[in-house]
PDB file of N, CA and C in Angstrom:
ATOM      1  N   MET A   1      -8.272   7.936  14.737  1.00  0.00           N
ATOM      2  CA  MET A   1      -9.261   7.865  13.813  1.00  0.00           C
ATOM      3  C   MET A   1      -9.447   6.358  13.437  1.00  0.00           C
ATOM      4  N   SER A   2     -10.662   5.919  13.793  1.00  0.00           N
ATOM      5  CA  SER A   2     -11.071   4.544  13.640  1.00  0.00           C
ATOM      6  C   SER A   2     -11.947   4.362  12.288  1.00  0.00           C
ATOM      7  N   ASN A   3     -11.557   3.412  11.601  1.00  0.00           N
ATOM      8  CA  ASN A   3     -12.481   3.016  10.376  1.00  0.00           C
ATOM      9  C   ASN A   3     -13.098   1.569  10.687  1.00  0.00           C
ATOM     10  N   PRO A   4     -14.340   1.575  11.021  1.00  0.00           N
ATOM     11  CA  PRO A   4     -14.912   0.272  11.220  1.00  0.00           C
ATOM     12  C   PRO A   4     -14.986  -0.566   9.912  1.00  0.00           C
ATOM     13  N   HIS A   5     -14.792  -1.848  10.125  1.00  0.00           N
ATOM     14  CA  HIS A   5     -14.893  -2.667   8.914  1.00  0.00           C
ATOM     15  C   HIS A   5     -16.339  -2.804   8.520  1.00  0.00           C
ATOM     16  N   GLU A   6     -16.534  -2.546   7.141  1.00  0.00           N
ATOM     17  CA  GLU A   6     -17.887  -2.750   6.554  1.00  0.00           C
ATOM     18  C   GLU A   6     -17.711  -3.657   5.320  1.00  0.00           C
ATOM     19  N   ALA A   7     -18.758  -4.237   4.986  1.00  0.00           N
ATOM     20  CA  ALA A   7     -18.784  -5.200   3.845  1.00  0.00           C
ATOM     21  C   ALA A   7     -20.006  -5.112   2.985  1.00  0.00           C
ATOM     22  N   VAL A   8     -19.850  -5.477   1.693  1.00  0.00           N
ATOM     23  CA  VAL A   8     -20.971  -5.533   0.811  1.00  0.00           C
ATOM     24  C   VAL A   8     -21.132  -7.081   0.331  1.00  0.00           C
ATOM     25  N   ASN A   9     -22.307  -7.442   0.019  1.00  0.00           N
ATOM     26  CA  ASN A   9     -22.582  -8.773  -0.453  1.00  0.00           C
ATOM     27  C   ASN A   9     -22.853  -8.790  -1.913  1.00  0.00           C
ATOM     28  N   HIS A  10     -21.757  -9.216  -2.729  1.00  0.00           N
ATOM     29  CA  HIS A  10     -21.835  -9.317  -4.056  1.00  0.00           C
ATOM     30  C   HIS A  10     -22.814 -10.311  -4.584  1.00  0.00           C
ATOM     31  N   SER A  11     -22.907 -11.425  -3.893  1.00  0.00           N
ATOM     32  CA  SER A  11     -23.863 -12.563  -4.150  1.00  0.00           C
ATOM     33  C   SER A  11     -25.223 -12.148  -4.179  1.00  0.00           C
ATOM     34  N   VAL A  12     -25.687 -11.086  -3.652  1.00  0.00           N
ATOM     35  CA  VAL A  12     -26.976 -10.707  -3.664  1.00  0.00           C
ATOM     36  C   VAL A  12     -27.223  -9.346  -4.436  1.00  0.00           C
ATOM     37  N   GLY A  13     -26.137  -9.053  -5.299  1.00  0.00           N
ATOM     38  CA  GLY A  13     -26.200  -7.928  -6.097  1.00  0.00           C
ATOM     39  C   GLY A  13     -25.850  -6.628  -5.435  1.00  0.00           C
ATOM     40  N   GLU A  14     -25.264  -6.674  -4.229  1.00  0.00           N
ATOM     41  CA  GLU A  14     -24.874  -5.386  -3.527  1.00  0.00           C
ATOM     42  C   GLU A  14     -23.434  -5.066  -3.834  1.00  0.00           C
ATOM     43  N   TYR A  15     -23.252  -3.894  -4.339  1.00  0.00           N
ATOM     44  CA  TYR A  15     -21.892  -3.560  -4.674  1.00  0.00           C
ATOM     45  C   TYR A  15     -21.389  -2.306  -3.955  1.00  0.00           C
ATOM     46  N   VAL A  16     -22.337  -1.411  -3.587  1.00  0.00           N
ATOM     47  CA  VAL A  16     -22.082  -0.231  -2.809  1.00  0.00           C
ATOM     48  C   VAL A  16     -23.158  -0.063  -1.729  1.00  0.00           C
ATOM     49  N   ARG A  17     -22.730   0.242  -0.502  1.00  0.00           N
ATOM     50  CA  ARG A  17     -23.737   0.725   0.548  1.00  0.00           C
ATOM     51  C   ARG A  17     -23.025   1.825   1.310  1.00  0.00           C
ATOM     52  N   GLU A  18     -23.504   2.936   1.030  1.00  0.00           N
ATOM     53  CA  GLU A  18     -22.962   4.207   1.593  1.00  0.00           C
ATOM     54  C   GLU A  18     -21.506   4.243   1.266  1.00  0.00           C
ATOM     55  N   MET A  19     -20.603   4.182   2.250  1.00  0.00           N
ATOM     56  CA  MET A  19     -19.132   4.155   1.990  1.00  0.00           C
ATOM     57  C   MET A  19     -18.481   2.854   1.887  1.00  0.00           C
ATOM     58  N   ALA A  20     -19.211   1.778   1.928  1.00  0.00           N
ATOM     59  CA  ALA A  20     -18.781   0.417   1.801  1.00  0.00           C
ATOM     60  C   ALA A  20     -18.664   0.044   0.331  1.00  0.00           C
ATOM     61  N   HIS A  21     -17.586  -0.267  -0.149  1.00  0.00           N
ATOM     62  CA  HIS A  21     -17.294  -0.775  -1.529  1.00  0.00           C
ATOM     63  C   HIS A  21     -15.926  -1.298  -1.616  1.00  0.00           C
ATOM     64  N   THR A  22     -15.670  -1.754  -2.779  1.00  0.00           N
ATOM     65  CA  THR A  22     -14.293  -2.408  -3.069  1.00  0.00           C
ATOM     66  C   THR A  22     -13.314  -1.581  -3.774  1.00  0.00           C
ATOM     67  N   ASN A  23     -13.755  -0.312  -4.275  1.00  0.00           N
ATOM     68  CA  ASN A  23     -13.038   0.541  -5.253  1.00  0.00           C
ATOM     69  C   ASN A  23     -11.682   0.777  -4.657  1.00  0.00           C
ATOM     70  N   GLY A  24     -11.493   1.195  -3.348  1.00  0.00           N
ATOM     71  CA  GLY A  24     -10.277   1.543  -2.902  1.00  0.00           C
ATOM     72  C   GLY A  24      -9.287   0.276  -2.889  1.00  0.00           C
ATOM     73  N   MET A  25      -9.727  -0.801  -2.467  1.00  0.00           N
ATOM     74  CA  MET A  25      -9.004  -1.999  -2.478  1.00  0.00           C
ATOM     75  C   MET A  25      -8.591  -2.421  -3.967  1.00  0.00           C
ATOM     76  N   GLU A  26      -9.494  -2.216  -4.845  1.00  0.00           N
ATOM     77  CA  GLU A  26      -9.120  -2.644  -6.209  1.00  0.00           C
ATOM     78  C   GLU A  26      -8.068  -1.760  -6.744  1.00  0.00           C
ATOM     79  N   SER A  27      -8.133  -0.453  -6.376  1.00  0.00           N
ATOM     80  CA  SER A  27      -7.105   0.602  -6.819  1.00  0.00           C
ATOM     81  C   SER A  27      -5.763   0.185  -6.154  1.00  0.00           C
ATOM     82  N   PHE A  28      -5.658  -0.262  -4.965  1.00  0.00           N
ATOM     83  CA  PHE A  28      -4.488  -0.673  -4.185  1.00  0.00           C
ATOM     84  C   PHE A  28      -3.922  -1.798  -4.921  1.00  0.00           C
ATOM     85  N   TRP A  29      -4.648  -2.886  -5.224  1.00  0.00           N
ATOM     86  CA  TRP A  29      -4.074  -3.981  -5.822  1.00  0.00           C
ATOM     87  C   TRP A  29      -3.664  -3.625  -7.295  1.00  0.00           C
ATOM     88  N   SER A  30      -4.246  -2.783  -7.920  1.00  0.00           N
ATOM     89  CA  SER A  30      -3.843  -2.426  -9.349  1.00  0.00           C
ATOM     90  C   SER A  30      -2.550  -1.698  -9.304  1.00  0.00           C
ATOM     91  N   MET A  31      -2.242  -0.895  -8.270  1.00  0.00           N
ATOM     92  CA  MET A  31      -0.923  -0.226  -7.979  1.00  0.00           C
ATOM     93  C   MET A  31       0.168  -1.286  -7.675  1.00  0.00           C
ATOM     94  N   ILE A  32      -0.151  -2.280  -6.914  1.00  0.00           N
ATOM     95  CA  ILE A  32       0.757  -3.353  -6.556  1.00  0.00           C
ATOM     96  C   ILE A  32       1.170  -4.112  -7.942  1.00  0.00           C
ATOM     97  N   LYS A  33       0.138  -4.443  -8.714  1.00  0.00           N
ATOM     98  CA  LYS A  33       0.386  -5.199  -9.862  1.00  0.00           C
ATOM     99  C   LYS A  33       1.133  -4.384 -10.923  1.00  0.00           C
ATOM    100  N   ARG A  34       0.959  -3.157 -11.043  1.00  0.00           N
ATOM    101  CA  ARG A  34       1.684  -2.272 -11.857  1.00  0.00           C
ATOM    102  C   ARG A  34       3.189  -2.174 -11.462  1.00  0.00           C
ATOM    103  N   GLY A  35       3.400  -2.162 -10.205  1.00  0.00           N
ATOM    104  CA  GLY A  35       4.735  -2.227  -9.622  1.00  0.00           C
ATOM    105  C   GLY A  35       5.449  -3.486  -9.921  1.00  0.00           C
ATOM    106  N   TYR A  36       4.624  -4.564  -9.810  1.00  0.00           N
ATOM    107  CA  TYR A  36       5.256  -5.920 -10.003  1.00  0.00           C
ATOM    108  C   TYR A  36       5.686  -6.124 -11.429  1.00  0.00           C
ATOM    109  N   ILE A  37       4.699  -5.666 -12.321  1.00  0.00           N
ATOM    110  CA  ILE A  37       4.935  -5.875 -13.779  1.00  0.00           C
ATOM    111  C   ILE A  37       6.014  -4.918 -14.362  1.00  0.00           C
ATOM    112  N   GLY A  38       5.954  -3.618 -13.875  1.00  0.00           N
ATOM    113  CA  GLY A  38       6.798  -2.622 -14.477  1.00  0.00           C
ATOM    114  C   GLY A  38       8.126  -2.321 -13.775  1.00  0.00           C
ATOM    115  N   THR A  39       8.204  -2.663 -12.498  1.00  0.00           N
ATOM    116  CA  THR A  39       9.420  -2.277 -11.769  1.00  0.00           C
ATOM    117  C   THR A  39      10.267  -3.490 -11.251  1.00  0.00           C
ATOM    118  N   PHE A  40       9.467  -4.261 -10.373  1.00  0.00           N
ATOM    119  CA  PHE A  40      10.229  -5.367  -9.590  1.00  0.00           C
ATOM    120  C   PHE A  40      10.273  -6.612 -10.304  1.00  0.00           C
ATOM    121  N   HIS A  41       9.327  -6.980 -11.097  1.00  0.00           N
ATOM    122  CA  HIS A  41       9.306  -8.332 -11.861  1.00  0.00           C
ATOM    123  C   HIS A  41       9.285  -9.488 -10.959  1.00  0.00           C
ATOM    124  N   HIS A  42       9.505  -9.388  -9.695  1.00  0.00           N
ATOM    125  CA  HIS A  42       9.481 -10.548  -8.772  1.00  0.00           C
ATOM    126  C   HIS A  42       9.260  -9.985  -7.297  1.00  0.00           C
ATOM    127  N   PHE A  43       8.451 -10.592  -6.488  1.00  0.00           N
ATOM    128  CA  PHE A  43       8.300 -10.290  -5.114  1.00  0.00           C
ATOM    129  C   PHE A  43       8.807 -11.525  -4.340  1.00  0.00           C
ATOM    130  N   SER A  44       9.872 -11.569  -3.544  1.00  0.00           N
ATOM    131  CA  SER A  44      10.234 -12.751  -2.862  1.00  0.00           C
ATOM    132  C   SER A  44       9.256 -12.837  -1.651  1.00  0.00           C
ATOM    133  N   ALA A  45       8.992 -14.096  -1.253  1.00  0.00           N
ATOM    134  CA  ALA A  45       8.004 -14.242  -0.151  1.00  0.00           C
ATOM    135  C   ALA A  45       8.740 -13.754   1.180  1.00  0.00           C
ATOM    136  N   LYS A  46      10.032 -13.857   1.161  1.00  0.00           N
ATOM    137  CA  LYS A  46      10.763 -13.361   2.391  1.00  0.00           C
ATOM    138  C   LYS A  46      10.587 -11.899   2.604  1.00  0.00           C
ATOM    139  N   HIS A  47      10.507 -11.170   1.577  1.00  0.00           N
ATOM    140  CA  HIS A  47      10.437  -9.630   1.651  1.00  0.00           C
ATOM    141  C   HIS A  47       9.040  -9.103   1.196  1.00  0.00           C
ATOM    142  N   LEU A  48       8.040  -9.892   1.112  1.00  0.00           N
ATOM    143  CA  LEU A  48       6.789  -9.573   0.662  1.00  0.00           C
ATOM    144  C   LEU A  48       6.210  -8.437   1.515  1.00  0.00           C
ATOM    145  N   GLN A  49       6.243  -8.542   2.753  1.00  0.00           N
ATOM    146  CA  GLN A  49       5.850  -7.442   3.633  1.00  0.00           C
ATOM    147  C   GLN A  49       6.465  -6.038   3.373  1.00  0.00           C
ATOM    148  N   ARG A  50       7.759  -6.150   3.006  1.00  0.00           N
ATOM    149  CA  ARG A  50       8.405  -4.886   2.758  1.00  0.00           C
ATOM    150  C   ARG A  50       7.847  -4.204   1.556  1.00  0.00           C
ATOM    151  N   TYR A  51       7.642  -5.010   0.526  1.00  0.00           N
ATOM    152  CA  TYR A  51       7.022  -4.500  -0.787  1.00  0.00           C
ATOM    153  C   TYR A  51       5.636  -3.970  -0.461  1.00  0.00           C
ATOM    154  N   VAL A  52       4.776  -4.784   0.198  1.00  0.00           N
ATOM    155  CA  VAL A  52       3.458  -4.298   0.519  1.00  0.00           C
ATOM    156  C   VAL A  52       3.547  -2.939   1.312  1.00  0.00           C
ATOM    157  N   THR A  53       4.359  -2.950   2.223  1.00  0.00           N
ATOM    158  CA  THR A  53       4.457  -1.702   2.942  1.00  0.00           C
ATOM    159  C   THR A  53       4.823  -0.462   2.272  1.00  0.00           C
ATOM    160  N   GLU A  54       5.700  -0.713   1.317  1.00  0.00           N
ATOM    161  CA  GLU A  54       6.074   0.399   0.412  1.00  0.00           C
ATOM    162  C   GLU A  54       4.895   0.888  -0.444  1.00  0.00           C
ATOM    163  N   PHE A  55       4.231   0.026  -0.935  1.00  0.00           N
ATOM    164  CA  PHE A  55       3.022   0.416  -1.767  1.00  0.00           C
ATOM    165  C   PHE A  55       1.898   0.935  -1.001  1.00  0.00           C
ATOM    166  N   ALA A  56       1.805   0.569   0.309  1.00  0.00           N
ATOM    167  CA  ALA A  56       0.783   1.079   1.208  1.00  0.00           C
ATOM    168  C   ALA A  56       1.184   2.595   1.467  1.00  0.00           C
ATOM    169  N   GLY A  57       2.466   2.773   1.691  1.00  0.00           N
ATOM    170  CA  GLY A  57       2.886   4.182   1.872  1.00  0.00           C
ATOM    171  C   GLY A  57       2.636   4.970   0.677  1.00  0.00           C
ATOM    172  N   ARG A  58       2.987   4.525  -0.449  1.00  0.00           N
ATOM    173  CA  ARG A  58       2.701   5.262  -1.721  1.00  0.00           C
ATOM    174  C   ARG A  58       1.151   5.588  -1.864  1.00  0.00           C
ATOM    175  N   HIS A  59       0.370   4.554  -1.520  1.00  0.00           N
ATOM    176  CA  HIS A  59      -1.133   4.695  -1.663  1.00  0.00           C
ATOM    177  C   HIS A  59      -1.627   5.827  -0.619  1.00  0.00           C
ATOM    178  N   ASN A  60      -1.089   5.745   0.592  1.00  0.00           N
ATOM    179  CA  ASN A  60      -1.547   6.712   1.649  1.00  0.00           C
ATOM    180  C   ASN A  60      -1.081   8.103   1.350  1.00  0.00           C
ATOM    181  N   MET A  61      -0.009   8.296   0.638  1.00  0.00           N
ATOM    182  CA  MET A  61       0.375   9.638   0.300  1.00  0.00           C
ATOM    183  C   MET A  61      -0.062  10.124  -1.124  1.00  0.00           C
ATOM    184  N   ARG A  62      -0.819   9.371  -1.806  1.00  0.00           N
ATOM    185  CA  ARG A  62      -1.189   9.706  -3.262  1.00  0.00           C
ATOM    186  C   ARG A  62      -1.765  11.105  -3.275  1.00  0.00           C
ATOM    187  N   ASP A  63      -2.396  11.675  -2.393  1.00  0.00           N
ATOM    188  CA  ASP A  63      -3.036  12.933  -2.459  1.00  0.00           C
ATOM    189  C   ASP A  63      -2.182  14.148  -2.076  1.00  0.00           C
ATOM    190  N   LEU A  64      -0.950  13.872  -1.602  1.00  0.00           N
ATOM    191  CA  LEU A  64       0.053  14.965  -1.313  1.00  0.00           C
ATOM    192  C   LEU A  64       0.810  15.327  -2.560  1.00  0.00           C
ATOM    193  N   ASP A  65       1.252  16.553  -2.702  1.00  0.00           N
ATOM    194  CA  ASP A  65       2.052  16.914  -3.795  1.00  0.00           C
ATOM    195  C   ASP A  65       3.476  16.349  -3.580  1.00  0.00           C
ATOM    196  N   THR A  66       4.275  16.506  -4.554  1.00  0.00           N
ATOM    197  CA  THR A  66       5.644  15.890  -4.528  1.00  0.00           C
ATOM    198  C   THR A  66       6.418  16.337  -3.387  1.00  0.00           C
ATOM    199  N   LEU A  67       6.518  17.566  -3.108  1.00  0.00           N
ATOM    200  CA  LEU A  67       7.373  18.079  -1.892  1.00  0.00           C
ATOM    201  C   LEU A  67       6.845  17.515  -0.621  1.00  0.00           C
ATOM    202  N   ASP A  68       5.545  17.504  -0.474  1.00  0.00           N
ATOM    203  CA  ASP A  68       5.062  16.971   0.810  1.00  0.00           C
ATOM    204  C   ASP A  68       5.351  15.385   0.896  1.00  0.00           C
ATOM    205  N   GLN A  69       5.271  14.787  -0.238  1.00  0.00           N
ATOM    206  CA  GLN A  69       5.562  13.327  -0.242  1.00  0.00           C
ATOM    207  C   GLN A  69       7.102  13.127   0.182  1.00  0.00           C
ATOM    208  N   MET A  70       7.920  13.927  -0.362  1.00  0.00           N
ATOM    209  CA  MET A  70       9.281  13.786  -0.062  1.00  0.00           C
ATOM    210  C   MET A  70       9.639  14.086   1.442  1.00  0.00           C
ATOM    211  N   ALA A  71       8.860  15.181   1.962  1.00  0.00           N
ATOM    212  CA  ALA A  71       9.054  15.431   3.274  1.00  0.00           C
ATOM    213  C   ALA A  71       8.602  14.305   4.185  1.00  0.00           C
ATOM    214  N   GLU A  72       7.419  13.587   3.859  1.00  0.00           N
ATOM    215  CA  GLU A  72       6.973  12.511   4.669  1.00  0.00           C
ATOM    216  C   GLU A  72       8.026  11.398   4.588  1.00  0.00           C
ATOM    217  N   ILE A  73       8.544  11.040   3.412  1.00  0.00           N
ATOM    218  CA  ILE A  73       9.476  10.003   3.259  1.00  0.00           C
ATOM    219  C   ILE A  73      10.770  10.281   4.136  1.00  0.00           C
ATOM    220  N   VAL A  74      11.326  11.442   4.144  1.00  0.00           N
ATOM    221  CA  VAL A  74      12.460  11.860   4.823  1.00  0.00           C
ATOM    222  C   VAL A  74      12.155  11.706   6.367  1.00  0.00           C
ATOM    223  N   ASP A  75      11.018  12.179   6.838  1.00  0.00           N
ATOM    224  CA  ASP A  75      10.554  12.114   8.218  1.00  0.00           C
ATOM    225  C   ASP A  75      10.520  10.627   8.663  1.00  0.00           C
ATOM    226  N   GLY A  76      10.042   9.827   7.750  1.00  0.00           N
ATOM    227  CA  GLY A  76       9.980   8.444   8.114  1.00  0.00           C
ATOM    228  C   GLY A  76      11.257   7.670   8.125  1.00  0.00           C
ATOM    229  N   MET A  77      12.296   8.317   7.608  1.00  0.00           N
ATOM    230  CA  MET A  77      13.567   7.584   7.551  1.00  0.00           C
ATOM    231  C   MET A  77      14.536   7.919   8.758  1.00  0.00           C
ATOM    232  N   ILE A  78      14.159   8.879   9.571  1.00  0.00           N
ATOM    233  CA  ILE A  78      14.794   9.267  10.762  1.00  0.00           C
ATOM    234  C   ILE A  78      14.897   8.197  11.740  1.00  0.00           C
ATOM    235  N   ASP A  79      16.174   7.788  12.180  1.00  0.00           N
ATOM    236  CA  ASP A  79      16.457   6.659  13.081  1.00  0.00           C
ATOM    237  C   ASP A  79      15.803   5.440  12.676  1.00  0.00           C
ATOM    238  N   LYS A  80      15.813   5.111  11.325  1.00  0.00           N
ATOM    239  CA  LYS A  80      15.344   3.841  10.898  1.00  0.00           C
ATOM    240  C   LYS A  80      16.262   3.133   9.996  1.00  0.00           C
ATOM    241  N   ARG A  81      17.560   2.835  10.598  1.00  0.00           N
ATOM    242  CA  ARG A  81      18.509   2.149   9.823  1.00  0.00           C
ATOM    243  C   ARG A  81      18.286   0.800   9.572  1.00  0.00           C
ATOM    244  N   LEU A  82      18.427   0.421   8.364  1.00  0.00           N
ATOM    245  CA  LEU A  82      18.318  -1.093   7.963  1.00  0.00           C
ATOM    246  C   LEU A  82      19.654  -1.628   7.540  1.00  0.00           C
ATOM    247  N   LYS A  83      20.103  -2.533   8.495  1.00  0.00           N
ATOM    248  CA  LYS A  83      21.417  -3.021   8.315  1.00  0.00           C
ATOM    249  C   LYS A  83      21.315  -4.093   7.177  1.00  0.00           C
ATOM    250  N   TYR A  84      22.416  -4.388   6.481  1.00  0.00           N
ATOM    251  CA  TYR A  84      22.461  -5.285   5.405  1.00  0.00           C
ATOM    252  C   TYR A  84      22.239  -6.757   5.910  1.00  0.00           C
ATOM    253  N   ARG A  85      22.830  -7.060   7.047  1.00  0.00           N
ATOM    254  CA  ARG A  85      22.640  -8.444   7.638  1.00  0.00           C
ATOM    255  C   ARG A  85      21.071  -8.637   8.097  1.00  0.00           C
ATOM    256  N   ASP A  86      20.460  -7.520   8.394  1.00  0.00           N
ATOM    257  CA  ASP A  86      18.973  -7.775   8.732  1.00  0.00           C
ATOM    258  C   ASP A  86      18.148  -7.897   7.472  1.00  0.00           C
ATOM    259  N   LEU A  87      18.658  -7.319   6.418  1.00  0.00           N
ATOM    260  CA  LEU A  87      17.934  -7.440   5.156  1.00  0.00           C
ATOM    261  C   LEU A  87      18.086  -8.759   4.542  1.00  0.00           C
ATOM    262  N   VAL A  88      19.233  -9.393   4.590  1.00  0.00           N
ATOM    263  CA  VAL A  88      19.535 -10.679   3.878  1.00  0.00           C
ATOM    264  C   VAL A  88      19.358 -11.794   4.974  1.00  0.00           C
ATOM    265  N   GLY A  89      19.496 -11.594   6.316  1.00  0.00           N
ATOM    266  CA  GLY A  89      19.523 -12.554   7.317  1.00  0.00           C
ATOM    267  C   GLY A  89      18.266 -13.410   7.445  1.00  0.00           C
TER     268      GLY A  89
END
């Protein structure tokens, strides 16, 4: 499933063109900001990609019910061991 990149030009007053708009990205950034303010309080540059990946996973599963979300998370954990030395190294 391919999603071609589309853009809108805000400087000429264009904010929506068919399915091209910034609403989805604004929603994603809002979720990251809520996590930063409410849960983590700090994102280290070293682990920033891990934080963003976690929120991307949450965003991608937002339409699933709780049990389906849990099943997806468990399926994603199989054979994905994270050793402490890899985390802090």
